[in-house]
Amino acid sequence: MKASTVALITGAMLLFMGFVIYSTIRPVQVECEVCLQFNGELVCRSGRGATEEEARIAAQESTCGGNVSGMAELIACRNATPVRVQCDVP
């Protein structure tokens, strides 16, 4: 393998690793709590994200994660309309 090819691959890997590290440690700007009524249970969980939309999705994913069994129920839970959504900036 040529030295220029190795340098190009190494540079691309370093850029990718930098992006992953940056997106992992960027500050949380919004925290949301989502409550869902699903399968006869009211479950509330919180999630965090850089935007309100990301935080709301993270909270709903968390709520659905332990509240369903099977892929069909998971999809239905993800598409359910929350009973309550409350977002705050920490």
Protein backbone atom coordinates (compact mmCIF):
# COMPACT_ATOMS: atom_id res chain seq x y z
CA MET A 1 0.00 0.00 0.00
CA LYS A 2 1.28 3.46 -0.86
CA ALA A 3 2.18 5.88 1.89
CA SER A 4 -0.34 8.41 0.56
CA THR A 5 -3.15 5.82 0.77
CA VAL A 6 -2.22 4.94 4.33
CA ALA A 7 -2.12 8.64 5.24
CA LEU A 8 -5.53 9.21 3.65
CA ILE A 9 -7.12 6.26 5.50
CA THR A 10 -5.52 7.33 8.78
CA GLY A 11 -6.77 10.91 8.32
CA ALA A 12 -10.29 9.73 7.57
CA MET A 13 -10.30 7.50 10.65
CA LEU A 14 -9.08 10.35 12.84
CA LEU A 15 -11.79 12.68 11.51
CA PHE A 16 -14.46 10.07 12.16
CA MET A 17 -13.17 9.42 15.68
CA GLY A 18 -13.11 13.16 16.36
CA PHE A 19 -16.71 13.50 15.22
CA VAL A 20 -17.83 10.61 17.44
CA ILE A 21 -16.03 12.03 20.47
CA TYR A 22 -17.40 15.53 19.85
CA SER A 23 -20.99 14.35 19.44
CA THR A 24 -20.69 12.23 22.59
CA ILE A 25 -19.37 14.96 24.88
CA ARG A 26 -21.21 18.01 23.55
CA PRO A 27 -23.20 19.71 26.27
CA VAL A 28 -26.79 18.69 26.91
CA GLN A 29 -29.03 21.67 26.31
CA VAL A 30 -32.54 20.29 26.86
CA GLU A 31 -34.07 17.68 29.17
CA CYS A 32 -37.59 16.35 28.57
CA GLU A 33 -39.88 14.08 30.52
CA VAL A 34 -42.40 12.07 28.49
CA CYS A 35 -45.35 10.17 29.97
CA LEU A 36 -47.08 7.50 27.87
CA GLN A 37 -50.24 5.54 28.53
CA PHE A 38 -49.49 2.19 26.88
CA ASN A 39 -50.85 -1.31 27.53
CA GLY A 40 -52.83 0.00 30.50
CA GLU A 41 -49.80 1.52 32.23
CA LEU A 42 -48.72 5.12 32.66
CA VAL A 43 -44.94 5.29 32.37
CA CYS A 44 -42.82 8.45 32.59
CA ARG A 45 -39.14 8.70 31.66
CA SER A 46 -36.72 11.52 30.92
CA GLY A 47 -34.27 12.03 28.09
CA ARG A 48 -31.66 14.59 27.15
CA GLY A 49 -30.48 16.05 23.88
CA ALA A 50 -28.98 19.02 22.12
CA THR A 51 -32.44 20.09 20.92
CA GLU A 52 -35.94 19.73 22.34
CA GLU A 53 -36.83 17.26 19.57
CA GLU A 54 -33.80 15.04 20.35
CA ALA A 55 -34.59 15.12 24.08
CA ARG A 56 -38.25 14.26 23.49
CA ILE A 57 -37.36 11.35 21.21
CA ALA A 58 -34.79 10.05 23.72
CA ALA A 59 -37.37 10.20 26.51
CA GLN A 60 -40.02 8.41 24.44
CA GLU A 61 -37.51 5.72 23.42
CA SER A 62 -36.65 5.22 27.08
CA THR A 63 -40.31 5.00 28.01
CA CYS A 64 -40.98 2.39 25.33
CA GLY A 65 -37.83 0.38 26.02
CA GLY A 66 -38.97 -1.35 29.20
CA ASN A 67 -42.69 -1.14 28.58
CA VAL A 68 -43.15 -3.38 25.52
CA SER A 69 -42.48 -6.87 24.30
CA GLY A 70 -41.89 -7.47 20.62
CA MET A 71 -41.24 -5.28 17.62
CA ALA A 72 -44.92 -4.58 16.83
CA GLU A 73 -45.52 -3.17 20.33
CA LEU A 74 -42.28 -1.16 20.15
CA ILE A 75 -43.37 0.48 16.90
CA ALA A 76 -46.84 1.19 18.30
CA CYS A 77 -45.30 2.68 21.46
CA ARG A 78 -42.91 4.89 19.48
CA ASN A 79 -45.88 6.22 17.49
CA ALA A 80 -48.12 6.73 20.53
CA THR A 81 -49.05 10.27 21.47
CA PRO A 82 -47.61 11.16 24.87
CA VAL A 83 -49.98 12.01 27.70
CA ARG A 84 -47.55 14.64 28.95
CA VAL A 85 -44.32 16.19 27.70
CA GLN A 86 -42.37 18.63 29.84
CA CYS A 87 -39.05 20.06 28.64
CA ASP A 88 -36.56 22.20 30.56
CA VAL A 89 -33.16 23.67 29.91
CA PRO A 90 -30.83 22.45 32.71
